[in-house]
N, C-alpha and C. Protein backbone atom coordinates (compact mmCIF):
# COMPACT_ATOMS: atom_id res chain seq x y z
N UNK A 1 -76.95 33.97 -85.58
CA UNK A 1 -76.92 33.68 -87.25
C UNK A 1 -77.90 35.08 -88.50
N UNK A 2 -77.51 35.34 -89.37
CA UNK A 2 -78.04 36.04 -90.23
C UNK A 2 -79.15 34.82 -91.35
N UNK A 3 -80.17 35.64 -91.18
CA UNK A 3 -81.13 34.80 -92.28
C UNK A 3 -80.49 34.10 -93.40
N UNK A 4 -80.86 32.96 -94.41
CA UNK A 4 -80.48 32.72 -96.08
C UNK A 4 -80.81 33.46 -96.78
N UNK A 5 -82.38 33.43 -96.57
CA UNK A 5 -83.45 34.25 -97.78
C UNK A 5 -82.25 35.72 -98.85
N UNK A 6 -81.94 36.78 -97.91
CA UNK A 6 -81.22 36.91 -98.83
C UNK A 6 -80.33 37.04 -99.81
N UNK A 7 -79.50 35.62 -99.22
CA UNK A 7 -78.20 35.35 -99.86
C UNK A 7 -78.91 34.54 -101.08
N UNK A 8 -80.08 33.33 -100.44
CA UNK A 8 -81.01 32.68 -101.57
C UNK A 8 -81.34 33.94 -102.80
N UNK A 9 -81.56 33.95 -102.08
CA UNK A 9 -82.46 35.50 -103.56
C UNK A 9 -81.57 36.24 -104.72
N UNK A 10 -80.44 36.60 -104.12
CA UNK A 10 -80.19 37.70 -104.50
C UNK A 10 -78.45 35.98 -105.96
N UNK A 11 -78.93 34.95 -104.94
CA UNK A 11 -77.79 33.82 -105.89
C UNK A 11 -79.07 33.19 -106.94
N UNK A 12 -79.72 33.06 -106.61
CA UNK A 12 -81.22 32.27 -107.68
C UNK A 12 -81.41 33.07 -108.77
N UNK A 13 -81.09 34.64 -108.34
CA UNK A 13 -81.63 35.77 -109.04
C UNK A 13 -80.10 35.71 -110.33
N UNK A 14 -79.25 35.37 -109.89
CA UNK A 14 -77.93 35.52 -111.02
C UNK A 14 -77.90 34.34 -111.60
N UNK A 15 -78.36 33.43 -111.39
CA UNK A 15 -78.52 32.03 -111.88
C UNK A 15 -79.72 32.59 -113.38
N UNK A 16 -80.32 32.61 -112.75
CA UNK A 16 -81.60 32.49 -113.68
C UNK A 16 -80.99 33.31 -115.17
N UNK A 17 -80.46 34.94 -114.98
CA UNK A 17 -80.61 35.62 -115.39
C UNK A 17 -78.97 34.90 -116.62
N UNK A 18 -77.76 34.64 -115.83
CA UNK A 18 -77.21 34.17 -116.42
C UNK A 18 -77.28 32.53 -117.28
N UNK A 19 -78.82 32.00 -116.73
CA UNK A 19 -79.04 31.42 -118.80
C UNK A 19 -80.00 31.59 -118.96
N UNK A 20 -80.14 33.59 -119.27
CA UNK A 20 -80.58 34.46 -119.95
C UNK A 20 -82.64 34.09 -120.07
N UNK A 21 -83.04 33.54 -118.98
CA UNK A 21 -84.01 33.65 -118.60
C UNK A 21 -84.43 34.99 -117.71
N UNK A 22 -86.05 34.96 -117.50
CA UNK A 22 -86.63 35.96 -116.59
C UNK A 22 -87.47 36.01 -115.11
N UNK A 23 -86.28 36.21 -114.11
CA UNK A 23 -86.97 36.24 -112.57
C UNK A 23 -88.40 37.09 -112.27
N UNK A 24 -88.78 35.88 -111.74
CA UNK A 24 -89.54 36.45 -111.12
C UNK A 24 -89.95 36.45 -109.90
N UNK A 25 -90.85 37.48 -109.32
CA UNK A 25 -90.73 37.34 -108.05
C UNK A 25 -92.11 37.08 -107.41
N UNK A 26 -92.07 36.22 -106.29
CA UNK A 26 -93.78 36.34 -105.95
C UNK A 26 -93.78 36.81 -104.23
N UNK A 27 -94.41 37.87 -104.82
CA UNK A 27 -94.59 38.47 -102.84
C UNK A 27 -95.76 38.43 -101.99
N UNK A 28 -95.54 38.16 -100.46
CA UNK A 28 -97.01 38.42 -100.09
C UNK A 28 -97.07 39.86 -99.70
N UNK A 29 -98.28 40.60 -100.57
CA UNK A 29 -98.66 42.06 -100.83
C UNK A 29 -98.93 42.50 -99.23
N UNK A 30 -98.98 41.25 -98.41
CA UNK A 30 -99.87 41.54 -97.06
C UNK A 30 -99.09 42.20 -96.10
N UNK A 31 -97.86 41.48 -96.57
CA UNK A 31 -96.61 41.66 -95.22
C UNK A 31 -96.86 43.31 -95.23
N UNK A 32 -96.61 44.05 -93.45
CA UNK A 32 -95.93 44.86 -93.06
C UNK A 32 -94.57 45.57 -94.13
N UNK A 33 -94.79 47.04 -94.75
CA UNK A 33 -93.43 48.17 -95.77
C UNK A 33 -93.68 46.91 -96.99
N UNK A 34 -94.35 46.50 -97.40
CA UNK A 34 -94.83 46.17 -98.73
C UNK A 34 -95.30 47.43 -100.01
N UNK A 35 -94.30 48.09 -100.83
CA UNK A 35 -95.08 48.82 -101.57
C UNK A 35 -94.82 48.75 -102.65
N UNK A 36 -95.96 47.85 -103.24
CA UNK A 36 -96.22 48.17 -104.25
C UNK A 36 -97.94 48.17 -105.37
N UNK A 37 -97.87 48.40 -106.13
CA UNK A 37 -99.08 49.41 -107.08
C UNK A 37 -100.20 47.90 -106.88
N UNK A 38 -101.58 48.16 -106.13
CA UNK A 38 -102.15 47.85 -104.85
C UNK A 38 -102.48 47.09 -105.89
N UNK A 39 -103.73 47.67 -107.25
CA UNK A 39 -104.26 47.37 -108.31
C UNK A 39 -104.06 46.14 -109.09
N UNK A 40 -102.90 45.52 -108.43
CA UNK A 40 -101.98 44.55 -109.18
C UNK A 40 -101.69 43.12 -107.88
N UNK A 41 -102.69 43.40 -106.95
CA UNK A 41 -102.11 42.39 -105.89
C UNK A 41 -103.87 42.14 -105.91
N UNK A 42 -103.41 40.21 -106.24
CA UNK A 42 -104.53 39.64 -106.37
C UNK A 42 -104.44 37.90 -105.09
N UNK A 43 -105.56 38.09 -104.17
CA UNK A 43 -105.32 37.13 -102.92
C UNK A 43 -104.22 37.71 -102.25
N UNK A 44 -103.66 38.38 -102.33
CA UNK A 44 -102.51 39.53 -101.02
C UNK A 44 -101.88 39.06 -101.39
N UNK A 45 -101.49 38.36 -102.98
CA UNK A 45 -100.18 38.59 -103.00
C UNK A 45 -99.54 39.19 -104.56
N UNK A 46 -98.27 39.32 -105.11
CA UNK A 46 -98.13 39.87 -106.39
C UNK A 46 -96.81 39.70 -107.02
N UNK A 47 -97.01 38.88 -108.27
CA UNK A 47 -96.71 38.80 -108.76
C UNK A 47 -95.67 39.98 -110.11
N UNK A 48 -93.77 39.66 -109.29
CA UNK A 48 -92.89 41.06 -110.33
C UNK A 48 -91.96 40.64 -111.16
N UNK A 49 -91.63 40.68 -112.29
CA UNK A 49 -90.80 41.07 -112.73
C UNK A 49 -89.26 41.75 -112.65
N UNK A 50 -88.25 41.04 -112.63
CA UNK A 50 -87.32 41.65 -111.85
C UNK A 50 -86.32 41.83 -112.80
N UNK A 51 -86.64 41.38 -113.88
CA UNK A 51 -85.48 41.45 -115.40
C UNK A 51 -84.60 42.93 -115.32
N UNK A 52 -83.55 42.74 -115.83
CA UNK A 52 -82.54 44.44 -115.67
C UNK A 52 -83.30 45.23 -116.58
N UNK A 53 -83.98 44.32 -117.91
CA UNK A 53 -84.59 45.28 -118.56
C UNK A 53 -86.17 45.90 -118.52
N UNK A 54 -86.72 45.19 -117.41
CA UNK A 54 -87.63 45.56 -116.63
C UNK A 54 -87.55 46.62 -115.54
N UNK A 55 -86.90 46.91 -115.07
CA UNK A 55 -86.70 47.72 -114.06
C UNK A 55 -85.33 48.60 -113.77
N UNK A 56 -85.00 49.03 -112.70
CA UNK A 56 -83.60 49.90 -112.58
C UNK A 56 -83.71 50.14 -111.31
N UNK A 57 -82.24 50.34 -110.92
CA UNK A 57 -81.79 50.35 -109.30
C UNK A 57 -82.41 49.15 -108.21
N UNK A 58 -81.39 47.59 -109.24
CA UNK A 58 -82.46 46.86 -108.04
C UNK A 58 -81.40 46.43 -107.23
N UNK A 59 -81.88 46.99 -106.10
CA UNK A 59 -80.80 46.60 -105.14
C UNK A 59 -81.51 44.97 -104.33
N UNK A 60 -80.81 44.47 -104.23
CA UNK A 60 -80.84 42.78 -103.18
C UNK A 60 -80.69 42.92 -101.98
N UNK A 61 -80.92 43.95 -100.96
CA UNK A 61 -80.40 43.85 -99.09
C UNK A 61 -80.70 42.93 -98.74
N UNK A 62 -80.09 43.02 -97.28
CA UNK A 62 -80.04 42.03 -96.49
C UNK A 62 -80.79 41.98 -96.03
N UNK A 63 -82.53 43.14 -96.06
CA UNK A 63 -83.29 44.37 -95.38
C UNK A 63 -84.54 43.89 -95.89
N UNK A 64 -84.39 43.58 -97.21
CA UNK A 64 -85.14 44.57 -97.82
C UNK A 64 -84.94 44.37 -100.02
N UNK A 65 -85.40 44.39 -100.89
CA UNK A 65 -85.57 44.46 -101.64
C UNK A 65 -86.24 46.16 -102.60
N UNK A 66 -85.81 46.57 -103.30
CA UNK A 66 -85.95 48.10 -103.99
C UNK A 66 -85.49 47.97 -105.38
N UNK A 67 -86.45 48.81 -105.75
CA UNK A 67 -86.60 49.45 -107.60
C UNK A 67 -87.45 49.68 -107.90
N UNK A 68 -87.13 50.52 -109.04
CA UNK A 68 -87.93 51.72 -109.82
C UNK A 68 -88.32 50.34 -111.13
N UNK A 69 -89.95 50.41 -111.35
CA UNK A 69 -90.76 50.80 -112.37
C UNK A 69 -91.80 50.76 -112.64
N UNK A 70 -92.27 50.33 -114.30
CA UNK A 70 -93.32 51.29 -114.70
C UNK A 70 -94.42 50.62 -114.34
N UNK A 71 -95.12 50.87 -114.37
CA UNK A 71 -96.53 49.69 -114.30
C UNK A 71 -98.24 50.67 -115.58
N UNK A 72 -98.03 50.25 -116.48
CA UNK A 72 -99.46 50.56 -117.49
C UNK A 72 -98.53 51.98 -117.63
N UNK A 73 -97.51 52.51 -117.68
CA UNK A 73 -97.08 53.88 -118.10
C UNK A 73 -96.80 54.61 -116.49
N UNK A 74 -96.76 54.40 -116.01
CA UNK A 74 -96.84 54.98 -114.34
C UNK A 74 -95.97 54.42 -113.19
N UNK A 75 -94.87 55.62 -113.24
CA UNK A 75 -93.19 54.58 -112.17
C UNK A 75 -93.32 54.69 -111.44
N UNK A 76 -93.43 53.40 -110.50
CA UNK A 76 -93.34 53.45 -108.81
C UNK A 76 -91.72 52.90 -108.49
N UNK A 77 -91.95 53.10 -106.97
CA UNK A 77 -90.81 53.17 -106.70
C UNK A 77 -91.45 51.51 -105.52
N UNK A 78 -90.54 50.50 -106.12
CA UNK A 78 -91.16 49.38 -105.55
C UNK A 78 -89.80 48.72 -104.19
N UNK A 79 -90.76 48.89 -102.79
CA UNK A 79 -90.35 48.56 -101.67
C UNK A 79 -90.39 47.29 -100.81
N UNK A 80 -90.15 45.98 -101.01
CA UNK A 80 -90.32 44.66 -100.54
C UNK A 80 -89.55 44.22 -99.00
N UNK A 81 -89.91 44.30 -97.88
CA UNK A 81 -89.02 43.39 -97.11
C UNK A 81 -89.06 41.96 -97.22
N UNK A 82 -87.00 42.00 -96.89
CA UNK A 82 -87.43 39.74 -97.90
C UNK A 82 -88.42 39.25 -97.23
N UNK A 83 -88.39 39.48 -95.99
CA UNK A 83 -89.49 38.61 -95.57
C UNK A 83 -90.99 37.98 -95.90
N UNK A 84 -90.85 39.30 -96.80
CA UNK A 84 -92.84 38.94 -97.46
C UNK A 84 -92.24 38.81 -99.34
N UNK A 85 -90.65 38.04 -99.62
CA UNK A 85 -91.10 37.37 -100.45
C UNK A 85 -90.85 36.10 -100.26
N UNK A 86 -91.94 35.44 -100.97
CA UNK A 86 -92.00 34.23 -101.23
C UNK A 86 -91.70 32.64 -101.93
N UNK A 87 -91.02 33.82 -102.65
CA UNK A 87 -90.28 32.45 -104.22
C UNK A 87 -89.67 33.08 -105.65
N UNK A 88 -88.93 33.22 -105.62
CA UNK A 88 -87.85 34.17 -106.73
C UNK A 88 -87.62 32.31 -108.03
N UNK A 89 -88.24 32.78 -109.40
CA UNK A 89 -88.45 31.60 -109.98
C UNK A 89 -88.21 32.12 -111.50
N UNK A 90 -88.12 31.24 -112.35
CA UNK A 90 -87.64 31.80 -113.44
C UNK A 90 -89.26 31.87 -114.64
N UNK A 91 -89.08 32.83 -115.61
CA UNK A 91 -91.00 32.33 -115.80
C UNK A 91 -90.92 31.81 -117.16
N UNK A 92 -89.97 31.32 -117.69
CA UNK A 92 -89.99 30.30 -118.54
C UNK A 92 -90.21 29.51 -118.56
N UNK A 93 -89.61 28.72 -117.55
CA UNK A 93 -89.71 27.11 -117.31
C UNK A 93 -90.05 27.23 -115.24
N UNK A 94 -90.37 28.05 -114.78
CA UNK A 94 -90.71 28.29 -113.16
C UNK A 94 -89.47 27.47 -112.61
N UNK A 95 -88.27 27.06 -112.67
CA UNK A 95 -87.47 26.84 -112.23
C UNK A 95 -86.95 27.74 -110.99
N UNK A 96 -86.93 27.41 -109.53
CA UNK A 96 -86.59 28.54 -109.14
C UNK A 96 -86.73 28.22 -107.28
N UNK A 97 -86.59 28.98 -106.16
CA UNK A 97 -87.11 28.29 -105.37
C UNK A 97 -87.98 29.22 -104.49
N UNK A 98 -89.24 28.32 -103.55
CA UNK A 98 -89.73 29.01 -102.92
C UNK A 98 -89.29 28.85 -101.48
N UNK A 99 -90.12 29.71 -101.22
CA UNK A 99 -89.55 30.37 -98.63
C UNK A 99 -90.36 29.75 -97.96
N UNK A 100 -90.69 29.06 -97.32
CA UNK A 100 -91.48 29.09 -96.24
C UNK A 100 -91.36 30.39 -95.86
N UNK A 101 -92.91 30.60 -95.07
CA UNK A 101 -93.23 31.96 -94.11
C UNK A 101 -92.72 31.55 -92.82
N UNK A 102 -92.05 30.70 -92.49
CA UNK A 102 -91.31 31.01 -90.86
C UNK A 102 -90.04 30.75 -91.35
N UNK A 103 -89.42 30.32 -92.55
CA UNK A 103 -88.63 31.00 -92.96
C UNK A 103 -87.62 32.29 -91.53
N UNK A 104 -87.76 32.89 -91.71
CA UNK A 104 -87.59 34.49 -91.69
C UNK A 104 -87.10 35.01 -89.73
N UNK A 105 -87.88 33.86 -89.36
CA UNK A 105 -87.97 34.18 -88.14
C UNK A 105 -87.80 33.18 -87.44
N UNK A 106 -86.71 33.19 -87.46
CA UNK A 106 -84.97 32.57 -87.31
C UNK A 106 -85.35 32.68 -85.51
N UNK A 107 -85.07 31.67 -84.34
CA UNK A 107 -84.52 31.99 -83.16
C UNK A 107 -83.25 32.88 -82.67
N UNK A 108 -83.43 33.65 -81.74
CA UNK A 108 -82.06 34.60 -81.96
C UNK A 108 -80.86 34.18 -80.95
N UNK A 109 -79.78 34.04 -81.18
CA UNK A 109 -79.11 32.99 -79.56
C UNK A 109 -78.90 33.48 -78.77
N UNK A 110 -79.17 32.56 -77.65
CA UNK A 110 -78.53 33.03 -76.53
C UNK A 110 -78.00 33.87 -75.99
N UNK A 111 -78.55 34.92 -74.98
CA UNK A 111 -77.21 35.88 -74.01
C UNK A 111 -75.90 35.16 -73.90
N UNK A 112 -75.82 33.91 -73.77
CA UNK A 112 -73.96 33.35 -73.64
C UNK A 112 -73.22 33.39 -75.02
N UNK A 113 -74.23 33.17 -75.29
CA UNK A 113 -73.87 33.60 -77.51
C UNK A 113 -73.68 31.57 -77.70
N UNK A 114 -74.66 30.86 -76.75
CA UNK A 114 -74.01 29.80 -77.09
C UNK A 114 -75.47 28.79 -78.23
N UNK A 115 -75.55 27.69 -79.37
CA UNK A 115 -76.96 28.00 -79.63
C UNK A 115 -78.41 27.49 -78.43
N UNK A 116 -78.74 27.96 -78.94
CA UNK A 116 -79.93 27.07 -77.82
C UNK A 116 -80.32 25.59 -77.96
N UNK A 117 -80.39 25.13 -76.33
CA UNK A 117 -80.92 23.48 -76.47
C UNK A 117 -81.47 23.24 -76.27
N UNK A 118 -81.52 21.63 -76.69
CA UNK A 118 -83.57 21.04 -76.16
C UNK A 118 -83.53 20.12 -77.13
N UNK A 119 -83.74 19.88 -77.37
CA UNK A 119 -84.57 19.05 -78.74
C UNK A 119 -83.46 18.29 -79.64
N UNK A 120 -83.64 17.67 -80.56
CA UNK A 120 -82.39 17.28 -81.36
C UNK A 120 -81.97 18.10 -82.66
N UNK A 121 -81.27 18.84 -83.31
CA UNK A 121 -80.72 18.62 -84.09
C UNK A 121 -81.98 18.41 -85.52
N UNK A 122 -81.74 19.74 -86.26
CA UNK A 122 -83.45 19.30 -86.72
C UNK A 122 -82.45 19.79 -88.49
N UNK A 123 -82.84 19.07 -89.72
CA UNK A 123 -82.27 19.65 -91.19
C UNK A 123 -83.89 20.43 -91.92
N UNK A 124 -83.59 21.46 -92.72
CA UNK A 124 -85.31 21.72 -93.30
C UNK A 124 -84.50 20.99 -95.21
N UNK A 125 -85.85 20.50 -95.70
CA UNK A 125 -85.62 20.06 -96.99
C UNK A 125 -86.00 21.31 -97.72
N UNK A 126 -84.64 22.21 -98.88
CA UNK A 126 -85.13 22.94 -100.10
C UNK A 126 -85.32 22.51 -101.09
N UNK A 127 -85.94 22.52 -101.71
CA UNK A 127 -86.54 22.12 -103.09
C UNK A 127 -86.48 23.53 -103.91
């Protein structure tokens, strides 16, 4: 089964924009493949404004997201693997979604196409 994180990111981003708010991302800048201006990273994390007025060519794909933006007047091409996104929220009120760090590491299906056996089914609380 494909991870739900990219689909939830796109949905929450659209919901924030539909409500005329500003979508912000909280990103784990220490993850491999994260390309962001390092001078703005604090405690291994960076917050990015992905409002259409702040970025160009925003692409929210299933594996990564990318866009062009300016930081202190300098152009940057930003690339972030989906697993590095820790949260998406509205800057004005903080409403949005946080993701657990383990969420992107779902076990692969078994070779026979059947779900893994053993244990009880589990549900995860999404806040």
